[in-house]
PDB file of all heavy atoms in Angstrom:
ATOM      1  N   MET A   1     147.191 271.246  52.496  1.00  0.00           N
ATOM      2  CA  MET A   1     146.296 272.311  52.135  1.00  0.00           C
ATOM      3  C   MET A   1     144.915 272.111  52.664  1.00  0.00           C
ATOM      4  O   MET A   1     144.191 273.010  52.948  1.00  0.00           O
ATOM      5  CB  MET A   1     146.280 272.470  50.628  1.00  0.00           C
ATOM      6  CG  MET A   1     145.543 273.749  50.173  1.00  0.00           C
ATOM      7  SD  MET A   1     146.402 275.226  50.923  1.00  0.00           S
ATOM      8  CE  MET A   1     145.160 276.480  50.568  1.00  0.00           C
ATOM      9  N   GLN A   2     144.462 270.838  52.753  1.00  0.00           N
ATOM     10  CA  GLN A   2     143.203 270.577  53.338  1.00  0.00           C
ATOM     11  C   GLN A   2     143.149 271.020  54.846  1.00  0.00           C
ATOM     12  O   GLN A   2     142.125 271.588  55.279  1.00  0.00           O
ATOM     13  CB  GLN A   2     142.877 269.076  53.312  1.00  0.00           C
ATOM     14  CG  GLN A   2     142.482 268.659  51.864  1.00  0.00           C
ATOM     15  CD  GLN A   2     142.385 267.167  51.696  1.00  0.00           C
ATOM     16  OE1 GLN A   2     142.898 266.400  52.419  1.00  0.00           O
ATOM     17  NE2 GLN A   2     141.528 266.741  50.707  1.00  0.00           N
ATOM     18  N   LYS A   3     144.204 270.782  55.489  1.00  0.00           N
ATOM     19  CA  LYS A   3     144.318 271.231  56.942  1.00  0.00           C
ATOM     20  C   LYS A   3     144.316 272.847  57.023  1.00  0.00           C
ATOM     21  O   LYS A   3     143.720 273.364  57.829  1.00  0.00           O
ATOM     22  CB  LYS A   3     145.553 270.624  57.701  1.00  0.00           C
ATOM     23  CG  LYS A   3     145.312 269.190  58.093  1.00  0.00           C
ATOM     24  CD  LYS A   3     146.392 268.792  59.019  1.00  0.00           C
ATOM     25  CE  LYS A   3     146.160 267.366  59.567  1.00  0.00           C
ATOM     26  NZ  LYS A   3     147.151 266.947  60.487  1.00  0.00           N
ATOM     27  N   ILE A   4     145.151 273.347  56.187  1.00  0.00           N
ATOM     28  CA  ILE A   4     145.358 274.826  56.108  1.00  0.00           C
ATOM     29  C   ILE A   4     143.994 275.560  55.766  1.00  0.00           C
ATOM     30  O   ILE A   4     143.645 276.554  56.436  1.00  0.00           O
ATOM     31  CB  ILE A   4     146.407 275.274  55.079  1.00  0.00           C
ATOM     32  CG1 ILE A   4     147.778 274.782  55.647  1.00  0.00           C
ATOM     33  CG2 ILE A   4     146.383 276.827  54.934  1.00  0.00           C
ATOM     34  CD1 ILE A   4     148.932 274.944  54.594  1.00  0.00           C
ATOM     35  N   ALA A   5     143.270 274.936  54.842  1.00  0.00           N
ATOM     36  CA  ALA A   5     141.958 275.504  54.469  1.00  0.00           C
ATOM     37  C   ALA A   5     140.964 275.470  55.597  1.00  0.00           C
ATOM     38  O   ALA A   5     140.229 276.528  55.797  1.00  0.00           O
ATOM     39  CB  ALA A   5     141.351 274.682  53.265  1.00  0.00           C
ATOM     40  N   ALA A   6     140.987 274.449  56.422  1.00  0.00           N
ATOM     41  CA  ALA A   6     140.136 274.343  57.528  1.00  0.00           C
ATOM     42  C   ALA A   6     140.418 275.430  58.564  1.00  0.00           C
ATOM     43  O   ALA A   6     139.585 276.044  59.102  1.00  0.00           O
ATOM     44  CB  ALA A   6     140.130 272.912  58.087  1.00  0.00           C
ATOM     45  N   ALA A   7     141.766 275.567  58.820  1.00  0.00           N
ATOM     46  CA  ALA A   7     142.210 276.577  59.810  1.00  0.00           C
ATOM     47  C   ALA A   7     141.922 277.976  59.269  1.00  0.00           C
ATOM     48  O   ALA A   7     141.485 278.888  60.014  1.00  0.00           O
ATOM     49  CB  ALA A   7     143.723 276.363  60.096  1.00  0.00           C
ATOM     50  N   PHE A   8     142.082 278.131  58.004  1.00  0.00           N
ATOM     51  CA  PHE A   8     141.882 279.464  57.386  1.00  0.00           C
ATOM     52  C   PHE A   8     140.425 279.909  57.465  1.00  0.00           C
ATOM     53  O   PHE A   8     140.112 281.087  57.846  1.00  0.00           O
ATOM     54  CB  PHE A   8     142.270 279.388  55.875  1.00  0.00           C
ATOM     55  CG  PHE A   8     141.851 280.521  55.016  1.00  0.00           C
ATOM     56  CD1 PHE A   8     142.506 281.756  55.214  1.00  0.00           C
ATOM     57  CD2 PHE A   8     140.910 280.490  54.046  1.00  0.00           C
ATOM     58  CE1 PHE A   8     142.203 282.849  54.349  1.00  0.00           C
ATOM     59  CE2 PHE A   8     140.626 281.476  53.281  1.00  0.00           C
ATOM     60  CZ  PHE A   8     141.260 282.731  53.469  1.00  0.00           C
ATOM     61  N   GLU A   9     139.539 278.982  57.314  1.00  0.00           N
ATOM     62  CA  GLU A   9     138.100 279.337  57.465  1.00  0.00           C
ATOM     63  C   GLU A   9     137.737 279.600  58.935  1.00  0.00           C
ATOM     64  O   GLU A   9     137.000 280.540  59.219  1.00  0.00           O
ATOM     65  CB  GLU A   9     137.210 278.116  56.934  1.00  0.00           C
ATOM     66  CG  GLU A   9     135.744 278.420  56.937  1.00  0.00           C
ATOM     67  CD  GLU A   9     134.927 277.375  56.247  1.00  0.00           C
ATOM     68  OE1 GLU A   9     135.445 276.366  55.764  1.00  0.00           O
ATOM     69  OE2 GLU A   9     133.683 277.528  56.219  1.00  0.00           O
ATOM     70  N   ALA A  10     138.316 278.825  59.829  1.00  0.00           N
ATOM     71  CA  ALA A  10     138.013 278.975  61.199  1.00  0.00           C
ATOM     72  C   ALA A  10     138.494 280.341  61.700  1.00  0.00           C
ATOM     73  O   ALA A  10     137.923 281.058  62.559  1.00  0.00           O
ATOM     74  CB  ALA A  10     138.632 277.810  62.015  1.00  0.00           C
ATOM     75  N   ASP A  11     139.711 280.715  61.171  1.00  0.00           N
ATOM     76  CA  ASP A  11     140.303 281.929  61.705  1.00  0.00           C
ATOM     77  C   ASP A  11     139.891 283.270  61.018  1.00  0.00           C
ATOM     78  O   ASP A  11     139.916 284.309  61.603  1.00  0.00           O
ATOM     79  CB  ASP A  11     141.834 281.873  61.447  1.00  0.00           C
ATOM     80  CG  ASP A  11     142.479 280.825  62.496  1.00  0.00           C
ATOM     81  OD1 ASP A  11     141.875 280.506  63.497  1.00  0.00           O
ATOM     82  OD2 ASP A  11     143.611 280.353  62.237  1.00  0.00           O
ATOM     83  N   THR A  12     139.397 283.142  59.703  1.00  0.00           N
ATOM     84  CA  THR A  12     139.118 284.382  58.930  1.00  0.00           C
ATOM     85  C   THR A  12     137.648 284.442  58.511  1.00  0.00           C
ATOM     86  O   THR A  12     137.139 285.486  58.175  1.00  0.00           O
ATOM     87  CB  THR A  12     140.033 284.444  57.690  1.00  0.00           C
ATOM     88  OG1 THR A  12     139.555 283.365  56.804  1.00  0.00           O
ATOM     89  CG2 THR A  12     141.408 284.332  58.020  1.00  0.00           C
ATOM     90  N   GLY A  13     136.953 283.248  58.495  1.00  0.00           N
ATOM     91  CA  GLY A  13     135.628 283.202  58.011  1.00  0.00           C
ATOM     92  C   GLY A  13     135.528 283.020  56.490  1.00  0.00           C
ATOM     93  O   GLY A  13     134.453 282.700  55.937  1.00  0.00           O
ATOM     94  N   HIS A  14     136.623 283.233  55.832  1.00  0.00           N
ATOM     95  CA  HIS A  14     136.664 282.972  54.398  1.00  0.00           C
ATOM     96  C   HIS A  14     136.738 281.419  54.074  1.00  0.00           C
ATOM     97  O   HIS A  14     137.395 280.754  54.874  1.00  0.00           O
ATOM     98  CB  HIS A  14     137.864 283.630  53.715  1.00  0.00           C
ATOM     99  CG  HIS A  14     137.898 285.138  53.834  1.00  0.00           C
ATOM    100  ND1 HIS A  14     136.882 285.901  53.372  1.00  0.00           N
ATOM    101  CD2 HIS A  14     138.785 285.967  54.348  1.00  0.00           C
ATOM    102  CE1 HIS A  14     137.090 287.171  53.586  1.00  0.00           C
ATOM    103  NE2 HIS A  14     138.341 287.229  54.163  1.00  0.00           N
ATOM    104  N   LYS A  15     136.222 281.012  52.990  1.00  0.00           N
ATOM    105  CA  LYS A  15     136.200 279.637  52.635  1.00  0.00           C
ATOM    106  C   LYS A  15     137.129 279.445  51.403  1.00  0.00           C
ATOM    107  O   LYS A  15     137.016 280.225  50.494  1.00  0.00           O
ATOM    108  CB  LYS A  15     134.856 279.065  52.350  1.00  0.00           C
ATOM    109  CG  LYS A  15     134.732 277.644  52.002  1.00  0.00           C
ATOM    110  CD  LYS A  15     133.325 277.141  51.860  1.00  0.00           C
ATOM    111  CE  LYS A  15     133.354 275.626  51.497  1.00  0.00           C
ATOM    112  NZ  LYS A  15     131.953 275.161  51.317  1.00  0.00           N
ATOM    113  N   ALA A  16     137.908 278.438  51.410  1.00  0.00           N
ATOM    114  CA  ALA A  16     138.754 278.085  50.235  1.00  0.00           C
ATOM    115  C   ALA A  16     138.143 276.856  49.467  1.00  0.00           C
ATOM    116  O   ALA A  16     138.072 275.825  50.122  1.00  0.00           O
ATOM    117  CB  ALA A  16     140.166 277.909  50.638  1.00  0.00           C
ATOM    118  N   GLU A  17     137.741 276.988  48.251  1.00  0.00           N
ATOM    119  CA  GLU A  17     137.366 275.955  47.461  1.00  0.00           C
ATOM    120  C   GLU A  17     138.559 275.420  46.696  1.00  0.00           C
ATOM    121  O   GLU A  17     139.188 276.134  45.836  1.00  0.00           O
ATOM    122  CB  GLU A  17     136.320 276.334  46.446  1.00  0.00           C
ATOM    123  CG  GLU A  17     134.978 276.656  47.122  1.00  0.00           C
ATOM    124  CD  GLU A  17     133.875 276.970  46.096  1.00  0.00           C
ATOM    125  OE1 GLU A  17     134.227 277.200  44.870  1.00  0.00           O
ATOM    126  OE2 GLU A  17     132.704 276.995  46.455  1.00  0.00           O
ATOM    127  N   LEU A  18     138.903 274.098  46.943  1.00  0.00           N
ATOM    128  CA  LEU A  18     140.222 273.572  46.473  1.00  0.00           C
ATOM    129  C   LEU A  18     140.035 272.574  45.333  1.00  0.00           C
ATOM    130  O   LEU A  18     139.171 271.783  45.371  1.00  0.00           O
ATOM    131  CB  LEU A  18     140.931 272.924  47.624  1.00  0.00           C
ATOM    132  CG  LEU A  18     141.076 273.693  48.942  1.00  0.00           C
ATOM    133  CD1 LEU A  18     141.683 272.834  49.917  1.00  0.00           C
ATOM    134  CD2 LEU A  18     141.878 274.954  48.734  1.00  0.00           C
ATOM    135  N   SER A  19     140.945 272.763  44.327  1.00  0.00           N
ATOM    136  CA  SER A  19     140.998 271.780  43.278  1.00  0.00           C
ATOM    137  C   SER A  19     142.437 271.331  43.190  1.00  0.00           C
ATOM    138  O   SER A  19     143.330 272.136  43.187  1.00  0.00           O
ATOM    139  CB  SER A  19     140.596 272.451  41.841  1.00  0.00           C
ATOM    140  OG  SER A  19     139.274 272.930  41.878  1.00  0.00           O
ATOM    141  N   PHE A  20     142.638 270.000  43.168  1.00  0.00           N
ATOM    142  CA  PHE A  20     143.929 269.468  43.185  1.00  0.00           C
ATOM    143  C   PHE A  20     144.256 268.811  41.838  1.00  0.00           C
ATOM    144  O   PHE A  20     143.409 268.237  41.187  1.00  0.00           O
ATOM    145  CB  PHE A  20     144.018 268.371  44.337  1.00  0.00           C
ATOM    146  CG  PHE A  20     143.746 268.978  45.666  1.00  0.00           C
ATOM    147  CD1 PHE A  20     142.545 268.816  46.346  1.00  0.00           C
ATOM    148  CD2 PHE A  20     144.741 269.660  46.339  1.00  0.00           C
ATOM    149  CE1 PHE A  20     142.368 269.277  47.644  1.00  0.00           C
ATOM    150  CE2 PHE A  20     144.567 270.235  47.566  1.00  0.00           C
ATOM    151  CZ  PHE A  20     143.363 270.024  48.206  1.00  0.00           C
ATOM    152  N   GLY A  21     145.546 268.927  41.406  1.00  0.00           N
ATOM    153  CA  GLY A  21     145.884 268.346  40.137  1.00  0.00           C
ATOM    154  C   GLY A  21     147.336 268.651  39.794  1.00  0.00           C
ATOM    155  O   GLY A  21     148.105 269.199  40.581  1.00  0.00           O
ATOM    156  N   ALA A  22     147.681 268.381  38.540  1.00  0.00           N
ATOM    157  CA  ALA A  22     149.096 268.591  37.980  1.00  0.00           C
ATOM    158  C   ALA A  22     149.195 270.067  37.698  1.00  0.00           C
ATOM    159  O   ALA A  22     148.385 270.669  37.055  1.00  0.00           O
ATOM    160  CB  ALA A  22     149.307 267.736  36.753  1.00  0.00           C
ATOM    161  N   THR A  23     150.343 270.614  37.938  1.00  0.00           N
ATOM    162  CA  THR A  23     150.595 272.024  37.696  1.00  0.00           C
ATOM    163  C   THR A  23     150.528 272.349  36.221  1.00  0.00           C
ATOM    164  O   THR A  23     149.968 273.420  35.829  1.00  0.00           O
ATOM    165  CB  THR A  23     152.015 272.437  38.249  1.00  0.00           C
ATOM    166  OG1 THR A  23     151.988 272.333  39.648  1.00  0.00           O
ATOM    167  CG2 THR A  23     152.407 273.833  37.825  1.00  0.00           C
ATOM    168  N   GLY A  24     150.999 271.480  35.376  1.00  0.00           N
ATOM    169  CA  GLY A  24     150.967 271.690  33.963  1.00  0.00           C
ATOM    170  C   GLY A  24     149.536 271.833  33.403  1.00  0.00           C
ATOM    171  O   GLY A  24     149.275 272.612  32.569  1.00  0.00           O
ATOM    172  N   LYS A  25     148.680 270.940  33.979  1.00  0.00           N
ATOM    173  CA  LYS A  25     147.240 270.994  33.573  1.00  0.00           C
ATOM    174  C   LYS A  25     146.657 272.284  34.039  1.00  0.00           C
ATOM    175  O   LYS A  25     145.745 272.878  33.373  1.00  0.00           O
ATOM    176  CB  LYS A  25     146.517 269.829  34.063  1.00  0.00           C
ATOM    177  CG  LYS A  25     146.785 268.524  33.214  1.00  0.00           C
ATOM    178  CD  LYS A  25     145.578 267.593  33.333  1.00  0.00           C
ATOM    179  CE  LYS A  25     145.591 266.525  32.168  1.00  0.00           C
ATOM    180  NZ  LYS A  25     144.457 265.663  32.181  1.00  0.00           N
ATOM    181  N   PHE A  26     146.921 272.715  35.302  1.00  0.00           N
ATOM    182  CA  PHE A  26     146.385 273.943  35.794  1.00  0.00           C
ATOM    183  C   PHE A  26     146.754 275.163  34.894  1.00  0.00           C
ATOM    184  O   PHE A  26     146.027 275.952  34.692  1.00  0.00           O
ATOM    185  CB  PHE A  26     146.769 274.158  37.224  1.00  0.00           C
ATOM    186  CG  PHE A  26     145.959 273.356  38.160  1.00  0.00           C
ATOM    187  CD1 PHE A  26     146.627 272.776  39.272  1.00  0.00           C
ATOM    188  CD2 PHE A  26     144.637 273.261  38.084  1.00  0.00           C
ATOM    189  CE1 PHE A  26     145.871 271.992  40.205  1.00  0.00           C
ATOM    190  CE2 PHE A  26     143.909 272.544  38.992  1.00  0.00           C
ATOM    191  CZ  PHE A  26     144.507 271.883  40.123  1.00  0.00           C
ATOM    192  N   TYR A  27     148.105 275.105  34.479  1.00  0.00           N
ATOM    193  CA  TYR A  27     148.507 276.198  33.682  1.00  0.00           C
ATOM    194  C   TYR A  27     147.719 276.278  32.394  1.00  0.00           C
ATOM    195  O   TYR A  27     147.323 277.360  31.913  1.00  0.00           O
ATOM    196  CB  TYR A  27     149.967 275.953  33.248  1.00  0.00           C
ATOM    197  CG  TYR A  27     150.564 276.888  32.269  1.00  0.00           C
ATOM    198  CD1 TYR A  27     150.803 278.229  32.526  1.00  0.00           C
ATOM    199  CD2 TYR A  27     150.641 276.498  30.838  1.00  0.00           C
ATOM    200  CE1 TYR A  27     151.214 279.097  31.540  1.00  0.00           C
ATOM    201  CE2 TYR A  27     150.989 277.383  29.843  1.00  0.00           C
ATOM    202  CZ  TYR A  27     151.279 278.720  30.219  1.00  0.00           C
ATOM    203  OH  TYR A  27     151.704 279.591  29.251  1.00  0.00           O
ATOM    204  N   ALA A  28     147.442 275.132  31.754  1.00  0.00           N
ATOM    205  CA  ALA A  28     146.627 275.034  30.515  1.00  0.00           C
ATOM    206  C   ALA A  28     145.277 275.614  30.735  1.00  0.00           C
ATOM    207  O   ALA A  28     144.704 276.344  29.911  1.00  0.00           O
ATOM    208  CB  ALA A  28     146.597 273.716  29.913  1.00  0.00           C
ATOM    209  N   GLN A  29     144.683 275.229  31.903  1.00  0.00           N
ATOM    210  CA  GLN A  29     143.359 275.666  32.178  1.00  0.00           C
ATOM    211  C   GLN A  29     143.312 277.149  32.419  1.00  0.00           C
ATOM    212  O   GLN A  29     142.319 277.843  32.017  1.00  0.00           O
ATOM    213  CB  GLN A  29     142.763 274.829  33.402  1.00  0.00           C
ATOM    214  CG  GLN A  29     142.555 273.431  33.188  1.00  0.00           C
ATOM    215  CD  GLN A  29     142.273 272.580  34.440  1.00  0.00           C
ATOM    216  OE1 GLN A  29     142.198 273.128  35.492  1.00  0.00           O
ATOM    217  NE2 GLN A  29     142.154 271.296  34.237  1.00  0.00           N
ATOM    218  N   ILE A  30     144.162 277.635  33.110  1.00  0.00           N
ATOM    219  CA  ILE A  30     144.223 279.102  33.471  1.00  0.00           C
ATOM    220  C   ILE A  30     144.422 279.920  32.270  1.00  0.00           C
ATOM    221  O   ILE A  30     143.735 280.914  32.054  1.00  0.00           O
ATOM    222  CB  ILE A  30     145.423 279.350  34.542  1.00  0.00           C
ATOM    223  CG1 ILE A  30     145.007 278.749  35.910  1.00  0.00           C
ATOM    224  CG2 ILE A  30     145.564 280.880  34.643  1.00  0.00           C
ATOM    225  CD1 ILE A  30     146.168 278.685  36.826  1.00  0.00           C
ATOM    226  N   THR A  31     145.295 279.408  31.330  1.00  0.00           N
ATOM    227  CA  THR A  31     145.481 280.239  30.088  1.00  0.00           C
ATOM    228  C   THR A  31     144.305 280.222  29.165  1.00  0.00           C
ATOM    229  O   THR A  31     144.170 281.054  28.240  1.00  0.00           O
ATOM    230  CB  THR A  31     146.810 279.710  29.382  1.00  0.00           C
ATOM    231  OG1 THR A  31     146.617 278.300  29.080  1.00  0.00           O
ATOM    232  CG2 THR A  31     147.998 279.967  30.101  1.00  0.00           C
ATOM    233  N   HIS A  32     143.401 279.211  29.424  1.00  0.00           N
ATOM    234  CA  HIS A  32     142.223 279.072  28.637  1.00  0.00           C
ATOM    235  C   HIS A  32     141.023 279.648  29.307  1.00  0.00           C
ATOM    236  O   HIS A  32     139.873 279.446  28.901  1.00  0.00           O
ATOM    237  CB  HIS A  32     141.981 277.660  28.237  1.00  0.00           C
ATOM    238  CG  HIS A  32     142.872 277.218  27.085  1.00  0.00           C
ATOM    239  ND1 HIS A  32     144.058 276.655  27.347  1.00  0.00           N
ATOM    240  CD2 HIS A  32     142.703 277.160  25.743  1.00  0.00           C
ATOM    241  CE1 HIS A  32     144.686 276.295  26.164  1.00  0.00           C
ATOM    242  NE2 HIS A  32     143.828 276.639  25.195  1.00  0.00           N
ATOM    243  N   GLY A  33     141.186 280.454  30.421  1.00  0.00           N
ATOM    244  CA  GLY A  33     140.213 281.122  31.143  1.00  0.00           C
ATOM    245  C   GLY A  33     139.571 280.508  32.313  1.00  0.00           C
ATOM    246  O   GLY A  33     138.589 281.040  32.793  1.00  0.00           O
ATOM    247  N   ALA A  34     140.130 279.475  32.852  1.00  0.00           N
ATOM    248  CA  ALA A  34     139.629 278.867  34.063  1.00  0.00           C
ATOM    249  C   ALA A  34     139.605 280.010  35.192  1.00  0.00           C
ATOM    250  O   ALA A  34     140.611 280.605  35.363  1.00  0.00           O
ATOM    251  CB  ALA A  34     140.405 277.694  34.509  1.00  0.00           C
ATOM    252  N   PRO A  35     138.487 280.143  35.942  1.00  0.00           N
ATOM    253  CA  PRO A  35     138.416 281.285  36.833  1.00  0.00           C
ATOM    254  C   PRO A  35     139.082 281.055  38.219  1.00  0.00           C
ATOM    255  O   PRO A  35     138.539 281.499  39.211  1.00  0.00           O
ATOM    256  CB  PRO A  35     136.912 281.420  36.998  1.00  0.00           C
ATOM    257  CG  PRO A  35     136.378 279.976  36.864  1.00  0.00           C
ATOM    258  CD  PRO A  35     137.307 279.338  35.817  1.00  0.00           C
ATOM    259  N   PHE A  36     140.139 280.317  38.276  1.00  0.00           N
ATOM    260  CA  PHE A  36     140.896 280.182  39.573  1.00  0.00           C
ATOM    261  C   PHE A  36     141.374 281.447  40.028  1.00  0.00           C
ATOM    262  O   PHE A  36     141.790 282.319  39.115  1.00  0.00           O
ATOM    263  CB  PHE A  36     142.065 279.174  39.391  1.00  0.00           C
ATOM    264  CG  PHE A  36     141.651 277.776  39.109  1.00  0.00           C
ATOM    265  CD1 PHE A  36     142.073 277.153  37.963  1.00  0.00           C
ATOM    266  CD2 PHE A  36     140.880 277.022  40.088  1.00  0.00           C
ATOM    267  CE1 PHE A  36     141.733 275.817  37.638  1.00  0.00           C
ATOM    268  CE2 PHE A  36     140.505 275.775  39.807  1.00  0.00           C
ATOM    269  CZ  PHE A  36     140.914 275.145  38.619  1.00  0.00           C
ATOM    270  N   GLN A  37     141.410 281.708  41.280  1.00  0.00           N
ATOM    271  CA  GLN A  37     141.830 283.036  41.823  1.00  0.00           C
ATOM    272  C   GLN A  37     143.290 282.954  42.407  1.00  0.00           C
ATOM    273  O   GLN A  37     144.009 283.940  42.466  1.00  0.00           O
ATOM    274  CB  GLN A  37     140.884 283.555  42.836  1.00  0.00           C
ATOM    275  CG  GLN A  37     139.503 283.844  42.341  1.00  0.00           C
ATOM    276  CD  GLN A  37     138.530 284.070  43.418  1.00  0.00           C
ATOM    277  OE1 GLN A  37     138.332 283.229  44.342  1.00  0.00           O
ATOM    278  NE2 GLN A  37     137.856 285.178  43.444  1.00  0.00           N
ATOM    279  N   VAL A  38     143.628 281.822  42.852  1.00  0.00           N
ATOM    280  CA  VAL A  38     144.960 281.555  43.389  1.00  0.00           C
ATOM    281  C   VAL A  38     145.517 280.264  42.884  1.00  0.00           C
ATOM    282  O   VAL A  38     144.769 279.247  42.718  1.00  0.00           O
ATOM    283  CB  VAL A  38     144.887 281.476  44.939  1.00  0.00           C
ATOM    284  CG1 VAL A  38     146.115 280.917  45.572  1.00  0.00           C
ATOM    285  CG2 VAL A  38     144.546 282.862  45.508  1.00  0.00           C
ATOM    286  N   LEU A  39     146.846 280.186  42.589  1.00  0.00           N
ATOM    287  CA  LEU A  39     147.472 279.007  42.209  1.00  0.00           C
ATOM    288  C   LEU A  39     148.550 278.659  43.194  1.00  0.00           C
ATOM    289  O   LEU A  39     149.434 279.443  43.525  1.00  0.00           O
ATOM    290  CB  LEU A  39     148.150 279.085  40.761  1.00  0.00           C
ATOM    291  CG  LEU A  39     149.020 277.871  40.359  1.00  0.00           C
ATOM    292  CD1 LEU A  39     148.233 276.647  40.237  1.00  0.00           C
ATOM    293  CD2 LEU A  39     149.709 278.247  39.047  1.00  0.00           C
ATOM    294  N   LEU A  40     148.582 277.412  43.713  1.00  0.00           N
ATOM    295  CA  LEU A  40     149.641 276.936  44.530  1.00  0.00           C
ATOM    296  C   LEU A  40     150.291 275.873  43.714  1.00  0.00           C
ATOM    297  O   LEU A  40     149.872 274.693  43.608  1.00  0.00           O
ATOM    298  CB  LEU A  40     149.135 276.284  45.822  1.00  0.00           C
ATOM    299  CG  LEU A  40     148.958 277.255  47.060  1.00  0.00           C
ATOM    300  CD1 LEU A  40     147.847 278.274  46.720  1.00  0.00           C
ATOM    301  CD2 LEU A  40     148.642 276.452  48.257  1.00  0.00           C
ATOM    302  N   SER A  41     151.422 276.368  43.014  1.00  0.00           N
ATOM    303  CA  SER A  41     152.078 275.530  42.053  1.00  0.00           C
ATOM    304  C   SER A  41     153.057 274.477  42.715  1.00  0.00           C
ATOM    305  O   SER A  41     153.462 274.649  43.869  1.00  0.00           O
ATOM    306  CB  SER A  41     152.903 276.417  41.115  1.00  0.00           C
ATOM    307  OG  SER A  41     153.548 275.686  40.186  1.00  0.00           O
ATOM    308  N   ALA A  42     153.479 273.415  41.911  1.00  0.00           N
ATOM    309  CA  ALA A  42     154.434 272.557  42.396  1.00  0.00           C
ATOM    310  C   ALA A  42     155.912 272.903  41.956  1.00  0.00           C
ATOM    311  O   ALA A  42     156.864 272.334  42.189  1.00  0.00           O
ATOM    312  CB  ALA A  42     154.208 271.134  41.898  1.00  0.00           C
ATOM    313  N   ASP A  43     155.968 274.119  41.292  1.00  0.00           N
ATOM    314  CA  ASP A  43     157.251 274.624  40.843  1.00  0.00           C
ATOM    315  C   ASP A  43     157.312 276.201  40.988  1.00  0.00           C
ATOM    316  O   ASP A  43     156.243 276.745  41.469  1.00  0.00           O
ATOM    317  CB  ASP A  43     157.543 274.265  39.356  1.00  0.00           C
ATOM    318  CG  ASP A  43     156.522 274.865  38.425  1.00  0.00           C
ATOM    319  OD1 ASP A  43     155.718 275.767  38.842  1.00  0.00           O
ATOM    320  OD2 ASP A  43     156.548 274.551  37.259  1.00  0.00           O
TER     321      ASP A  43
END
């Protein structure tokens, strides 16, 4: 994803701010209002 984000920014101009962690923890954060816009899950 670090490589993809670099290519994504170079090709589109958009920047991806990445947070890495366990899918279960992200689920809990999202359900409690964390402002993530996209989830790349492990399941």
